[in-house]
Amino acid sequence: MGLNRWVRTIAEPIIAATYPIPKTAIFPLLLIIFGLGESSKIAVVAIGVFFPVVVNTAAGVMGIGRIHHEVGKNFGASRLQVFRTIALPGATPLIIAGMKLGVGMSLMLIVVAEMLGGTDGLGFLIWNSWSTFQVETMYVALVVISVLGVVMTFVLAEVGRLLTPWSQHDR
């Protein structure tokens, strides 16, 4: 999307139409398609994470200065070389940012998926604890989700720091 205007012209309206649909609202449809197992949970998380990652990735590629693309073209870079040496490194900080947003979205969606169609997991534990008035257990599950979010965000930040040493992470 970021490198090809025609792809962007086709994909943007599709993304604009499908992004606002609550991912939890399509979970029953995914249960019908994939069944009650893990695959329906994976599908709802993948769909939910797709949007912040793809939007940030496209924004990252489009945010690369035109001069960089022109330099690649002047040196005779192929489309693959432009992607590999200009687009991907230039968009990596925003790809990581999209993945950080996706982490939060994925945790929310997996909890809801486990609440609606699971027999185990933190979402099921929260729902089961609520129905049996075990408030302490609910709080423990919520703290675990919070810790998972913090750890995964810090891991992604470290990955981003390692992949993009030229980017300023200390501001």
C-alpha atoms as a PDB file:
ATOM      1  CA  MET A   1       0.000   0.000   0.000  1.00  0.00           C
ATOM      2  CA  GLY A   2       2.786   2.387   0.837  1.00  0.00           C
ATOM      3  CA  LEU A   3       4.758   1.747  -2.342  1.00  0.00           C
ATOM      4  CA  ASN A   4       1.973   1.355  -4.883  1.00  0.00           C
ATOM      5  CA  ARG A   5      -0.744   3.948  -5.390  1.00  0.00           C
ATOM      6  CA  TRP A   6      -3.009   1.462  -7.214  1.00  0.00           C
ATOM      7  CA  VAL A   7      -2.869  -1.028  -4.354  1.00  0.00           C
ATOM      8  CA  ARG A   8      -3.578   1.817  -1.927  1.00  0.00           C
ATOM      9  CA  THR A   9      -6.526   2.990  -4.044  1.00  0.00           C
ATOM     10  CA  ILE A  10      -8.049  -0.491  -3.894  1.00  0.00           C
ATOM     11  CA  ALA A  11      -7.145  -1.369  -0.296  1.00  0.00           C
ATOM     12  CA  GLU A  12      -7.968   1.880   1.538  1.00  0.00           C
ATOM     13  CA  PRO A  13     -11.749   1.750   0.969  1.00  0.00           C
ATOM     14  CA  ILE A  14     -11.836  -1.917   1.979  1.00  0.00           C
ATOM     15  CA  ILE A  15      -9.902  -1.161   5.156  1.00  0.00           C
ATOM     16  CA  ALA A  16     -12.045   1.915   5.861  1.00  0.00           C
ATOM     17  CA  ALA A  17     -15.191  -0.206   5.516  1.00  0.00           C
ATOM     18  CA  THR A  18     -14.033  -3.188   7.577  1.00  0.00           C
ATOM     19  CA  TYR A  19     -11.952  -1.541  10.307  1.00  0.00           C
ATOM     20  CA  PRO A  20     -14.892  -0.030  12.246  1.00  0.00           C
ATOM     21  CA  ILE A  21     -16.682  -3.387  12.506  1.00  0.00           C
ATOM     22  CA  PRO A  22     -16.274  -4.562  16.115  1.00  0.00           C
ATOM     23  CA  LYS A  23     -14.076  -7.626  16.009  1.00  0.00           C
ATOM     24  CA  THR A  24     -16.034  -9.134  18.876  1.00  0.00           C
ATOM     25  CA  ALA A  25     -19.176  -8.873  16.747  1.00  0.00           C
ATOM     26  CA  ILE A  26     -17.709 -11.192  14.123  1.00  0.00           C
ATOM     27  CA  PHE A  27     -16.599 -13.743  16.709  1.00  0.00           C
ATOM     28  CA  PRO A  28     -19.855 -15.758  16.436  1.00  0.00           C
ATOM     29  CA  LEU A  29     -19.316 -15.976  12.670  1.00  0.00           C
ATOM     30  CA  LEU A  30     -15.753 -17.162  13.251  1.00  0.00           C
ATOM     31  CA  LEU A  31     -17.066 -19.773  15.695  1.00  0.00           C
ATOM     32  CA  ILE A  32     -19.322 -21.095  12.938  1.00  0.00           C
ATOM     33  CA  ILE A  33     -16.475 -21.139  10.423  1.00  0.00           C
ATOM     34  CA  PHE A  34     -13.646 -22.429  12.646  1.00  0.00           C
ATOM     35  CA  GLY A  35     -15.507 -24.162  15.474  1.00  0.00           C
ATOM     36  CA  LEU A  36     -15.066 -23.844  19.223  1.00  0.00           C
ATOM     37  CA  GLY A  37     -11.338 -24.576  19.217  1.00  0.00           C
ATOM     38  CA  GLU A  38      -8.316 -22.348  19.282  1.00  0.00           C
ATOM     39  CA  SER A  39      -8.497 -21.529  15.564  1.00  0.00           C
ATOM     40  CA  SER A  40     -11.511 -19.238  16.001  1.00  0.00           C
ATOM     41  CA  LYS A  41      -9.683 -17.357  18.764  1.00  0.00           C
ATOM     42  CA  ILE A  42      -6.575 -17.067  16.609  1.00  0.00           C
ATOM     43  CA  ALA A  43      -8.686 -15.786  13.708  1.00  0.00           C
ATOM     44  CA  VAL A  44     -10.383 -13.045  15.749  1.00  0.00           C
ATOM     45  CA  VAL A  45      -7.034 -11.916  17.181  1.00  0.00           C
ATOM     46  CA  ALA A  46      -5.387 -11.957  13.731  1.00  0.00           C
ATOM     47  CA  ILE A  47      -8.199  -9.888  12.239  1.00  0.00           C
ATOM     48  CA  GLY A  48      -8.052  -7.418  15.109  1.00  0.00           C
ATOM     49  CA  VAL A  49      -4.278  -7.018  14.987  1.00  0.00           C
ATOM     50  CA  PHE A  50      -4.168  -6.764  11.195  1.00  0.00           C
ATOM     51  CA  PHE A  51      -5.639  -3.272  11.025  1.00  0.00           C
ATOM     52  CA  PRO A  52      -3.305  -1.305  13.321  1.00  0.00           C
ATOM     53  CA  VAL A  53      -0.275  -3.051  11.837  1.00  0.00           C
ATOM     54  CA  VAL A  54      -1.240  -2.509   8.189  1.00  0.00           C
ATOM     55  CA  VAL A  55      -2.285   1.118   8.686  1.00  0.00           C
ATOM     56  CA  ASN A  56       0.922   1.948  10.555  1.00  0.00           C
ATOM     57  CA  THR A  57       3.044   0.064   8.027  1.00  0.00           C
ATOM     58  CA  ALA A  58       1.517   1.938   5.096  1.00  0.00           C
ATOM     59  CA  ALA A  59       1.921   5.242   6.947  1.00  0.00           C
ATOM     60  CA  GLY A  60       5.541   4.379   7.684  1.00  0.00           C
ATOM     61  CA  VAL A  61       6.318   3.637   4.042  1.00  0.00           C
ATOM     62  CA  MET A  62       4.490   6.743   2.817  1.00  0.00           C
ATOM     63  CA  GLY A  63       6.347   8.818   5.413  1.00  0.00           C
ATOM     64  CA  ILE A  64       9.731   7.992   3.896  1.00  0.00           C
ATOM     65  CA  GLY A  65      11.114  11.015   2.121  1.00  0.00           C
ATOM     66  CA  ARG A  66      10.726  11.038  -1.633  1.00  0.00           C
ATOM     67  CA  ILE A  67      14.458  11.701  -1.926  1.00  0.00           C
ATOM     68  CA  HIS A  68      15.210   8.204  -0.608  1.00  0.00           C
ATOM     69  CA  HIS A  69      13.055   6.583  -3.289  1.00  0.00           C
ATOM     70  CA  GLU A  70      14.647   8.768  -5.970  1.00  0.00           C
ATOM     71  CA  VAL A  71      18.149   7.821  -4.810  1.00  0.00           C
ATOM     72  CA  GLY A  72      17.200   4.146  -5.047  1.00  0.00           C
ATOM     73  CA  LYS A  73      15.801   4.695  -8.530  1.00  0.00           C
ATOM     74  CA  ASN A  74      18.919   6.637  -9.616  1.00  0.00           C
ATOM     75  CA  PHE A  75      21.123   3.769  -8.464  1.00  0.00           C
ATOM     76  CA  GLY A  76      19.005   1.329 -10.459  1.00  0.00           C
ATOM     77  CA  ALA A  77      17.432  -0.480  -7.511  1.00  0.00           C
ATOM     78  CA  SER A  78      14.828  -3.073  -8.395  1.00  0.00           C
ATOM     79  CA  ARG A  79      11.400  -3.063  -6.714  1.00  0.00           C
ATOM     80  CA  LEU A  80      12.602  -5.790  -4.350  1.00  0.00           C
ATOM     81  CA  GLN A  81      15.733  -3.812  -3.497  1.00  0.00           C
ATOM     82  CA  VAL A  82      13.671  -0.659  -2.881  1.00  0.00           C
ATOM     83  CA  PHE A  83      11.411  -2.654  -0.585  1.00  0.00           C
ATOM     84  CA  ARG A  84      14.272  -4.367   1.233  1.00  0.00           C
ATOM     85  CA  THR A  85      16.657  -1.418   1.593  1.00  0.00           C
ATOM     86  CA  ILE A  86      14.401   1.663   1.697  1.00  0.00           C
ATOM     87  CA  ALA A  87      10.771   0.856   2.493  1.00  0.00           C
ATOM     88  CA  LEU A  88      11.166  -1.832   5.144  1.00  0.00           C
ATOM     89  CA  PRO A  89      13.912  -0.139   7.186  1.00  0.00           C
ATOM     90  CA  GLY A  90      12.199   3.232   6.878  1.00  0.00           C
ATOM     91  CA  ALA A  91       8.829   1.883   8.003  1.00  0.00           C
ATOM     92  CA  THR A  92      10.139  -0.355  10.797  1.00  0.00           C
ATOM     93  CA  PRO A  93       9.580   2.183  13.621  1.00  0.00           C
ATOM     94  CA  LEU A  94       5.927   2.557  12.640  1.00  0.00           C
ATOM     95  CA  ILE A  95       5.557  -1.186  12.089  1.00  0.00           C
ATOM     96  CA  ILE A  96       6.745  -1.710  15.669  1.00  0.00           C
ATOM     97  CA  ALA A  97       4.313   0.997  16.838  1.00  0.00           C
ATOM     98  CA  GLY A  98       1.494  -0.840  15.042  1.00  0.00           C
ATOM     99  CA  MET A  99       2.549  -4.072  16.695  1.00  0.00           C
ATOM    100  CA  LYS A 100       2.462  -2.365  20.100  1.00  0.00           C
ATOM    101  CA  LEU A 101      -1.101  -1.256  19.388  1.00  0.00           C
ATOM    102  CA  GLY A 102      -1.833  -4.770  18.195  1.00  0.00           C
ATOM    103  CA  VAL A 103      -0.604  -6.242  21.491  1.00  0.00           C
ATOM    104  CA  GLY A 104      -3.252  -4.354  23.434  1.00  0.00           C
ATOM    105  CA  MET A 105      -5.905  -5.218  20.877  1.00  0.00           C
ATOM    106  CA  SER A 106      -4.908  -8.883  20.888  1.00  0.00           C
ATOM    107  CA  LEU A 107      -5.122  -9.134  24.665  1.00  0.00           C
ATOM    108  CA  MET A 108      -8.571  -7.549  24.668  1.00  0.00           C
ATOM    109  CA  LEU A 109      -9.815  -9.789  21.887  1.00  0.00           C
ATOM    110  CA  ILE A 110      -8.445 -13.026  23.313  1.00  0.00           C
ATOM    111  CA  VAL A 111     -10.068 -12.276  26.665  1.00  0.00           C
ATOM    112  CA  VAL A 112     -13.420 -11.629  24.992  1.00  0.00           C
ATOM    113  CA  ALA A 113     -13.026 -14.733  22.825  1.00  0.00           C
ATOM    114  CA  GLU A 114     -12.316 -16.844  25.907  1.00  0.00           C
ATOM    115  CA  MET A 115     -15.302 -15.311  27.682  1.00  0.00           C
ATOM    116  CA  LEU A 116     -17.649 -16.109  24.815  1.00  0.00           C
ATOM    117  CA  GLY A 117     -16.359 -19.416  23.542  1.00  0.00           C
ATOM    118  CA  GLY A 118     -13.757 -20.813  25.862  1.00  0.00           C
ATOM    119  CA  THR A 119     -13.486 -23.342  28.627  1.00  0.00           C
ATOM    120  CA  ASP A 120     -10.128 -22.088  29.865  1.00  0.00           C
ATOM    121  CA  GLY A 121      -7.909 -19.027  29.740  1.00  0.00           C
ATOM    122  CA  LEU A 122      -7.972 -15.671  31.466  1.00  0.00           C
ATOM    123  CA  GLY A 123     -11.207 -14.559  29.809  1.00  0.00           C
ATOM    124  CA  PHE A 124     -12.967 -17.707  30.954  1.00  0.00           C
ATOM    125  CA  LEU A 125     -11.473 -17.233  34.425  1.00  0.00           C
ATOM    126  CA  ILE A 126     -12.780 -13.654  34.609  1.00  0.00           C
ATOM    127  CA  TRP A 127     -16.228 -14.670  33.382  1.00  0.00           C
ATOM    128  CA  ASN A 128     -16.404 -17.694  35.678  1.00  0.00           C
ATOM    129  CA  SER A 129     -15.180 -15.635  38.654  1.00  0.00           C
ATOM    130  CA  TRP A 130     -17.796 -12.973  37.952  1.00  0.00           C
ATOM    131  CA  SER A 131     -20.586 -15.539  37.822  1.00  0.00           C
ATOM    132  CA  THR A 132     -19.478 -17.090  41.136  1.00  0.00           C
ATOM    133  CA  PHE A 133     -18.691 -13.743  42.840  1.00  0.00           C
ATOM    134  CA  GLN A 134     -14.987 -14.557  43.260  1.00  0.00           C
ATOM    135  CA  VAL A 135     -13.857 -10.957  42.913  1.00  0.00           C
ATOM    136  CA  GLU A 136     -10.308 -11.664  44.080  1.00  0.00           C
ATOM    137  CA  THR A 137      -9.798 -14.149  41.253  1.00  0.00           C
ATOM    138  CA  MET A 138     -11.087 -11.581  38.762  1.00  0.00           C
ATOM    139  CA  TYR A 139      -8.539  -9.062  40.005  1.00  0.00           C
ATOM    140  CA  VAL A 140      -5.730 -11.599  39.720  1.00  0.00           C
ATOM    141  CA  ALA A 141      -6.681 -12.319  36.097  1.00  0.00           C
ATOM    142  CA  LEU A 142      -6.853  -8.597  35.321  1.00  0.00           C
ATOM    143  CA  VAL A 143      -3.414  -8.039  36.854  1.00  0.00           C
ATOM    144  CA  VAL A 144      -2.012 -10.950  34.827  1.00  0.00           C
ATOM    145  CA  ILE A 145      -3.432  -9.413  31.628  1.00  0.00           C
ATOM    146  CA  SER A 146      -1.909  -6.065  32.565  1.00  0.00           C
ATOM    147  CA  VAL A 147       1.495  -7.631  33.250  1.00  0.00           C
ATOM    148  CA  LEU A 148       1.346  -9.509  29.940  1.00  0.00           C
ATOM    149  CA  GLY A 149       0.635  -6.229  28.158  1.00  0.00           C
ATOM    150  CA  VAL A 150       3.533  -4.455  29.849  1.00  0.00           C
ATOM    151  CA  VAL A 151       5.985  -7.295  29.189  1.00  0.00           C
ATOM    152  CA  MET A 152       4.982  -7.680  25.538  1.00  0.00           C
ATOM    153  CA  THR A 153       5.179  -3.908  24.986  1.00  0.00           C
ATOM    154  CA  PHE A 154       8.655  -3.755  26.521  1.00  0.00           C
ATOM    155  CA  VAL A 155       9.767  -6.721  24.414  1.00  0.00           C
ATOM    156  CA  LEU A 156       8.513  -5.010  21.260  1.00  0.00           C
ATOM    157  CA  ALA A 157      10.215  -1.769  22.291  1.00  0.00           C
ATOM    158  CA  GLU A 158      13.487  -3.658  22.715  1.00  0.00           C
ATOM    159  CA  VAL A 159      13.037  -5.389  19.358  1.00  0.00           C
ATOM    160  CA  GLY A 160      12.367  -1.989  17.810  1.00  0.00           C
ATOM    161  CA  ARG A 161      15.487  -0.569  19.442  1.00  0.00           C
ATOM    162  CA  LEU A 162      17.578  -3.442  18.101  1.00  0.00           C
ATOM    163  CA  LEU A 163      16.094  -3.293  14.594  1.00  0.00           C
ATOM    164  CA  THR A 164      16.285   0.480  14.271  1.00  0.00           C
ATOM    165  CA  PRO A 165      19.472   1.718  15.922  1.00  0.00           C
ATOM    166  CA  TRP A 166      19.278   4.907  13.816  1.00  0.00           C
ATOM    167  CA  SER A 167      15.910   5.826  15.294  1.00  0.00           C
ATOM    168  CA  GLN A 168      15.835   8.007  18.413  1.00  0.00           C
ATOM    169  CA  HIS A 169      14.341   5.989  21.266  1.00  0.00           C
ATOM    170  CA  ASP A 170      15.602   8.077  24.204  1.00  0.00           C
ATOM    171  CA  ARG A 171      13.402  11.143  23.776  1.00  0.00           C
END
